Amino acid sequence: MESKARRERAWVSAKVEVQPHDGGQALKAVAAIAGGERLIALAHVFVDLPSKYTIQIDEHRHQAGTGEADDFMNHACDPNAAIDFVALEVIALRPIAAGELITFDYNICEWDMRAPFACVCGSPRCLGEIRGFRYLTQEQRARIEPWLSPFLRRRLAAERGREAG
């Protein structure tokens, strides 16, 4: 297990690699991965403002794009990985076959996307446009609630409190 010390660089499983994909690059499995397996331990490099390559940790705290493997994880509306926000690690949600893209749902950590985009994940649950958690319906929010960042959990609880009060 990683120590609680600050990680200057990401740790990346040997079972994933950044590879060419659709004219760019993406993170892919190069070996079979078990559900629950740790894929990446994110670098502890934070910035105050969001960008296209950051992961929102708190209102004004974002894990910075570092050019490492996590920067190449694509969004999917039915992802195969999620972020453990306590450990700052990417974990497989289910078994992943060699050759599959490693994906997570950007809406689990982003309240309002800095750079919204049209989703092309192809899932029957595809949202079409990815803009951030604040734009999701109650049903869409409920589906991803187990994987939300602590920041989004607090926002959701505050929103529910206002509705109840």
Protein backbone atom coordinates (compact mmCIF):
# COMPACT_ATOMS: atom_id res chain seq x y z
CA MET A 1 0.00 0.00 0.00
CA GLU A 2 1.19 3.51 -0.81
CA SER A 3 2.25 5.67 2.09
CA LYS A 4 0.22 8.78 2.88
CA ALA A 5 3.20 10.88 1.77
CA ARG A 6 2.72 13.27 -1.12
CA ARG A 7 3.11 11.54 -4.52
CA GLU A 8 5.09 13.71 -6.92
CA ARG A 9 4.34 11.35 -9.83
CA ALA A 10 1.55 8.93 -10.54
CA TRP A 11 1.96 5.21 -9.96
CA VAL A 12 0.56 3.29 -12.95
CA SER A 13 -0.25 -0.42 -13.16
CA ALA A 14 1.74 -2.39 -15.71
CA LYS A 15 -1.66 -3.59 -17.00
CA VAL A 16 -2.48 -0.22 -18.59
CA GLU A 17 -0.69 1.91 -21.19
CA VAL A 18 -1.27 5.09 -23.10
CA GLN A 19 -1.74 4.02 -26.72
CA PRO A 20 -2.88 5.59 -30.01
CA HIS A 21 -6.67 5.80 -30.34
CA ASP A 22 -8.90 7.63 -32.86
CA GLY A 23 -6.22 10.07 -33.94
CA GLY A 24 -5.12 10.80 -30.38
CA GLN A 25 -4.10 8.81 -27.36
CA ALA A 26 -6.08 6.94 -24.71
CA LEU A 27 -5.43 4.75 -21.71
CA LYS A 28 -5.99 1.08 -22.57
CA ALA A 29 -5.76 -2.21 -20.74
CA VAL A 30 -2.85 -4.31 -22.03
CA ALA A 31 -3.75 -7.28 -19.81
CA ALA A 32 -6.90 -8.55 -18.13
CA ILE A 33 -7.85 -6.50 -15.07
CA ALA A 34 -9.98 -7.72 -12.16
CA GLY A 35 -12.83 -5.67 -10.73
CA GLY A 36 -11.58 -3.68 -7.75
CA GLU A 37 -7.99 -3.63 -8.99
CA ARG A 38 -5.98 -0.42 -8.52
CA LEU A 39 -4.94 1.04 -11.87
CA ILE A 40 -3.43 4.42 -11.03
CA ALA A 41 -2.41 6.28 -7.89
CA LEU A 42 -2.76 9.93 -8.89
CA ALA A 43 0.07 12.41 -8.43
CA HIS A 44 -0.53 14.92 -5.64
CA VAL A 45 -0.25 17.96 -7.88
CA PHE A 46 -3.06 20.45 -7.33
CA VAL A 47 -4.22 23.73 -8.83
CA ASP A 48 -6.93 26.23 -7.86
CA LEU A 49 -8.63 26.54 -11.24
CA PRO A 50 -10.08 23.84 -13.48
CA SER A 51 -8.91 23.04 -16.99
CA LYS A 52 -9.72 20.39 -19.56
CA TYR A 53 -7.20 18.05 -17.91
CA THR A 54 -7.93 18.50 -14.21
CA ILE A 55 -10.01 16.39 -11.83
CA GLN A 56 -12.07 18.38 -9.33
CA ILE A 57 -11.23 17.37 -5.77
CA ASP A 58 -12.88 20.30 -3.95
CA GLU A 59 -14.42 23.64 -4.84
CA HIS A 60 -11.06 25.29 -5.52
CA ARG A 61 -8.81 22.24 -5.59
CA HIS A 62 -8.20 20.27 -8.77
CA GLN A 63 -5.74 17.46 -9.43
CA ALA A 64 -3.61 18.94 -12.18
CA GLY A 65 -2.96 17.49 -15.58
CA THR A 66 0.57 16.11 -15.39
CA GLY A 67 0.97 14.44 -18.79
CA GLU A 68 0.82 11.06 -17.05
CA ALA A 69 -1.53 8.15 -17.72
CA ASP A 70 -4.56 9.60 -15.91
CA ASP A 71 -4.64 12.51 -18.38
CA PHE A 72 -5.53 10.00 -21.10
CA MET A 73 -8.58 8.41 -19.46
CA ASN A 74 -11.63 9.02 -21.59
CA HIS A 75 -15.13 9.71 -20.34
CA ALA A 76 -17.85 7.08 -20.66
CA CYS A 77 -21.43 7.27 -19.44
CA ASP A 78 -21.16 3.57 -18.45
CA PRO A 79 -17.50 3.51 -17.28
CA ASN A 80 -15.27 0.62 -16.25
CA ALA A 81 -13.29 2.61 -13.63
CA ALA A 82 -13.89 5.20 -10.93
CA ILE A 83 -11.80 7.36 -8.62
CA ASP A 84 -11.33 6.57 -4.95
CA PHE A 85 -11.18 10.17 -3.76
CA VAL A 86 -9.84 9.30 -0.30
CA ALA A 87 -6.79 7.46 -1.65
CA LEU A 88 -6.72 9.43 -4.95
CA GLU A 89 -6.58 6.22 -6.95
CA VAL A 90 -8.31 4.94 -10.06
CA ILE A 91 -10.00 1.59 -9.41
CA ALA A 92 -11.57 -0.88 -11.87
CA LEU A 93 -15.35 -1.08 -11.33
CA ARG A 94 -15.61 -4.43 -13.11
CA PRO A 95 -13.34 -6.86 -14.95
CA ILE A 96 -11.69 -5.15 -17.93
CA ALA A 97 -10.43 -7.09 -20.94
CA ALA A 98 -7.09 -6.43 -22.62
CA GLY A 99 -7.62 -3.86 -25.37
CA GLU A 100 -10.48 -2.00 -23.62
CA LEU A 101 -10.20 1.71 -23.00
CA ILE A 102 -10.02 2.69 -19.33
CA THR A 103 -12.89 5.12 -18.79
CA PHE A 104 -14.55 7.00 -15.96
CA ASP A 105 -17.61 9.24 -15.76
CA TYR A 106 -16.35 12.82 -15.57
CA ASN A 107 -19.62 13.79 -13.86
CA ILE A 108 -18.52 12.04 -10.62
CA CYS A 109 -16.12 14.89 -9.87
CA GLU A 110 -16.98 17.91 -12.00
CA TRP A 111 -19.75 20.27 -10.84
CA ASP A 112 -19.53 22.45 -13.94
CA MET A 113 -17.19 21.33 -16.74
CA ARG A 114 -14.66 23.93 -17.81
CA ALA A 115 -14.77 22.48 -21.34
CA PRO A 116 -18.13 20.71 -21.99
CA PHE A 117 -18.12 18.26 -24.89
CA ALA A 118 -20.31 15.98 -26.97
CA CYS A 119 -20.06 12.40 -25.72
CA VAL A 120 -19.54 9.61 -28.23
CA CYS A 121 -19.22 6.70 -25.78
CA GLY A 122 -21.96 4.71 -27.52
CA SER A 123 -23.59 3.49 -24.30
CA PRO A 124 -27.37 3.13 -24.22
CA ARG A 125 -27.11 5.46 -21.19
CA CYS A 126 -25.10 8.08 -23.11
CA LEU A 127 -25.96 11.59 -21.95
CA GLY A 128 -25.04 13.19 -25.28
CA GLU A 129 -23.38 16.28 -23.81
CA ILE A 130 -21.10 16.23 -20.77
CA ARG A 131 -21.35 19.51 -18.85
CA GLY A 132 -20.96 18.48 -15.20
CA PHE A 133 -22.96 17.07 -12.30
CA ARG A 134 -25.06 20.21 -11.82
CA TYR A 135 -26.79 19.61 -15.18
CA LEU A 136 -27.84 15.99 -14.52
CA THR A 137 -31.41 14.92 -13.83
CA GLN A 138 -32.27 13.35 -10.46
CA GLU A 139 -32.26 9.90 -12.09
CA GLN A 140 -28.84 10.47 -13.68
CA ARG A 141 -27.46 11.76 -10.38
CA ALA A 142 -28.78 8.75 -8.46
CA ARG A 143 -27.09 6.34 -10.89
CA ILE A 144 -23.60 7.76 -10.20
CA GLU A 145 -24.05 8.80 -6.57
CA PRO A 146 -22.01 5.87 -5.12
CA TRP A 147 -18.88 7.17 -6.89
CA LEU A 148 -19.22 10.90 -6.28
CA SER A 149 -16.32 12.94 -4.96
CA PRO A 150 -16.68 14.21 -1.38
CA PHE A 151 -17.05 17.71 -2.83
CA LEU A 152 -20.06 16.70 -4.95
CA ARG A 153 -21.53 14.75 -2.02
CA ARG A 154 -21.44 17.95 0.07
CA ARG A 155 -23.01 19.98 -2.76
CA LEU A 156 -25.74 17.36 -3.19
CA ALA A 157 -26.44 17.23 0.57
CA ALA A 158 -26.68 21.04 0.71
CA GLU A 159 -29.03 21.04 -2.27
CA ARG A 160 -31.23 18.39 -0.66
CA GLY A 161 -31.22 20.36 2.60
CA ARG A 162 -32.45 23.49 0.82
CA GLU A 163 -35.20 21.47 -0.92
CA ALA A 164 -36.32 19.93 2.41
CA GLY A 165 -36.17 23.22 4.30
